[in-house]
Protein backbone atom coordinates (compact mmCIF):
# COMPACT_ATOMS: atom_id res chain seq x y z
CA UNK A 1 65.59 -10.31 -26.32
CA UNK A 2 65.87 -13.94 -25.27
CA UNK A 3 68.79 -15.70 -23.60
CA UNK A 4 69.93 -18.54 -25.84
CA UNK A 5 72.43 -19.91 -23.33
CA UNK A 6 75.40 -19.06 -21.15
CA UNK A 7 78.08 -19.09 -23.86
CA UNK A 8 78.97 -16.15 -26.15
CA UNK A 9 76.81 -13.64 -24.29
CA UNK A 10 79.42 -11.00 -25.07
CA UNK A 11 78.73 -11.39 -28.81
CA UNK A 12 76.03 -9.50 -30.77
CA UNK A 13 72.48 -10.85 -30.67
CA UNK A 14 71.30 -13.21 -33.41
CA UNK A 15 67.96 -12.60 -35.14
CA UNK A 16 65.75 -15.68 -35.69
CA UNK A 17 62.59 -15.58 -37.82
CA UNK A 18 60.36 -17.32 -40.34
CA UNK A 19 60.79 -14.93 -43.30
CA UNK A 20 62.16 -17.04 -46.17
CA UNK A 21 63.12 -14.32 -48.68
CA UNK A 22 64.86 -12.00 -46.21
CA UNK A 23 68.17 -10.78 -47.66
CA UNK A 24 71.12 -12.08 -45.65
CA UNK A 25 69.16 -14.82 -43.87
CA UNK A 26 69.98 -18.52 -43.97
CA UNK A 27 67.76 -21.45 -43.02
CA UNK A 28 68.95 -22.97 -39.75
CA UNK A 29 68.23 -26.52 -40.84
CA UNK A 30 66.90 -27.51 -44.28
CA UNK A 31 63.13 -27.74 -44.45
CA UNK A 32 62.39 -26.08 -41.09
CA UNK A 33 61.39 -22.67 -42.41
CA UNK A 34 63.31 -21.11 -39.50
CA UNK A 35 65.97 -18.59 -40.48
CA UNK A 36 68.88 -16.78 -38.88
CA UNK A 37 70.30 -13.42 -39.90
CA UNK A 38 69.21 -10.68 -42.23
CA UNK A 39 69.10 -7.99 -39.55
CA UNK A 40 69.39 -5.00 -41.89
CA UNK A 41 66.65 -6.32 -44.20
CA UNK A 42 64.46 -7.06 -41.15
CA UNK A 43 64.85 -3.49 -39.88
CA UNK A 44 64.07 -2.06 -43.32
CA UNK A 45 61.04 -4.36 -43.66
CA UNK A 46 59.65 -3.37 -40.26
CA UNK A 47 60.18 0.34 -40.96
CA UNK A 48 58.38 0.18 -44.31
CA UNK A 49 55.54 -1.99 -42.98
CA UNK A 50 56.29 -5.30 -44.74
CA UNK A 51 56.94 -7.08 -41.41
CA UNK A 52 55.87 -6.71 -37.81
CA UNK A 53 58.48 -6.35 -35.05
CA UNK A 54 57.16 -9.54 -33.42
CA UNK A 55 58.04 -11.50 -36.58
CA UNK A 56 61.61 -11.51 -35.25
CA UNK A 57 63.26 -12.93 -32.12
CA UNK A 58 66.63 -11.77 -30.83
CA UNK A 59 68.85 -14.18 -28.92
CA UNK A 60 71.95 -13.41 -26.92
CA UNK A 61 74.20 -16.32 -26.04
CA UNK A 62 74.06 -20.00 -26.91
CA UNK A 63 75.01 -23.41 -25.57
CA UNK A 64 78.30 -24.66 -26.99
CA UNK A 65 79.35 -28.31 -26.78
CA UNK A 66 82.53 -30.20 -27.51
CA UNK A 67 82.22 -32.64 -30.42
CA UNK A 68 79.69 -35.29 -29.36
CA UNK A 69 78.86 -33.43 -26.15
CA UNK A 70 75.24 -32.72 -27.04
CA UNK A 71 74.71 -36.39 -27.94
CA UNK A 72 75.98 -37.33 -24.47
CA UNK A 73 73.59 -34.85 -22.84
CA UNK A 74 70.68 -36.30 -24.85
CA UNK A 75 71.56 -39.91 -23.96
CA UNK A 76 71.75 -38.92 -20.27
CA UNK A 77 68.21 -37.46 -20.55
CA UNK A 78 69.30 -33.89 -19.88
CA UNK A 79 67.75 -32.87 -23.21
CA UNK A 80 64.94 -34.37 -25.27
CA UNK A 81 65.04 -33.51 -28.97
CA UNK A 82 61.60 -33.10 -30.50
CA UNK A 83 60.14 -31.92 -33.78
CA UNK A 84 57.59 -29.14 -33.75
CA UNK A 85 55.90 -26.76 -36.14
CA UNK A 86 57.65 -23.54 -37.12
CA UNK A 87 54.81 -21.52 -35.58
CA UNK A 88 55.44 -23.14 -32.22
CA UNK A 89 59.22 -22.75 -32.41
CA UNK A 90 58.80 -19.03 -33.19
CA UNK A 91 55.90 -18.41 -30.80
CA UNK A 92 55.93 -15.15 -28.86
CA UNK A 93 56.88 -16.31 -25.35
CA UNK A 94 56.57 -13.14 -23.31
CA UNK A 95 53.71 -13.15 -20.77
CA UNK A 96 52.41 -16.62 -21.59
CA UNK A 97 50.37 -18.18 -18.76
CA UNK A 98 53.11 -20.80 -18.44
CA UNK A 99 56.57 -21.15 -20.01
CA UNK A 100 56.63 -22.34 -23.62
CA UNK A 101 58.65 -25.43 -22.81
CA UNK A 102 55.79 -26.67 -20.60
CA UNK A 103 53.38 -26.22 -23.50
CA UNK A 104 55.69 -28.18 -25.79
CA UNK A 105 56.24 -30.97 -23.25
CA UNK A 106 52.50 -31.31 -22.69
CA UNK A 107 51.91 -31.57 -26.45
CA UNK A 108 54.45 -34.40 -26.59
CA UNK A 109 52.38 -36.36 -24.08
CA UNK A 110 53.42 -39.43 -22.12
CA UNK A 111 56.41 -39.16 -19.82
CA UNK A 112 57.31 -35.67 -21.07
CA UNK A 113 53.85 -34.40 -20.12
CA UNK A 114 54.26 -35.92 -16.65
CA UNK A 115 57.65 -34.23 -16.19
CA UNK A 116 56.09 -30.88 -17.10
CA UNK A 117 53.18 -31.37 -14.71
CA UNK A 118 55.53 -32.30 -11.83
CA UNK A 119 57.69 -29.25 -12.50
CA UNK A 120 54.63 -26.97 -12.62
CA UNK A 121 53.51 -28.27 -9.21
CA UNK A 122 56.87 -27.18 -7.76
CA UNK A 123 56.56 -23.60 -9.06
CA UNK A 124 54.97 -20.93 -6.95
CA UNK A 125 55.18 -18.22 -9.64
CA UNK A 126 52.62 -19.80 -11.98
CA UNK A 127 48.90 -20.44 -11.57
CA UNK A 128 47.82 -23.97 -12.37
CA UNK A 129 45.04 -24.57 -14.89
C-alpha cells in the first residue's frame, strides 16, 4: 500500500495497474495504459492465476488542489511534470536501492538530475552508488 497524498486518507484505497481489459477499470489518461479500478476482477484474476499480486498497486490518499492550484505549484517549481513509460510509472518501489523519484529525475538529466544528486547527498539512509 502506497501513500498517494495527505488528502482523503480516510477513503478506501484505489487500485492502479496496467491491465487493459480488467472489468471495472478505466484508463487514467487516454493513451497511458495505466488504469484505475477493477478491484473485484483483479482479486479474481490473482486467485485464478491470470495476474500476479505485484501487477497491482494500492494507494491511500491523494493530493487535492483548488482549480488552477496544481498549475501554480508547477510554475513555482514545486512539481515538475514529466512523461515516462508505463513500466516505470508502475514499477515496484519497495526495497529499491534508492527512491523511484530519484531514478526518474536522473533519467530526465540536466537540472533535474542535479537536484536528485544533491538530495541524495543529504540523505543518510541511502548508500551512494
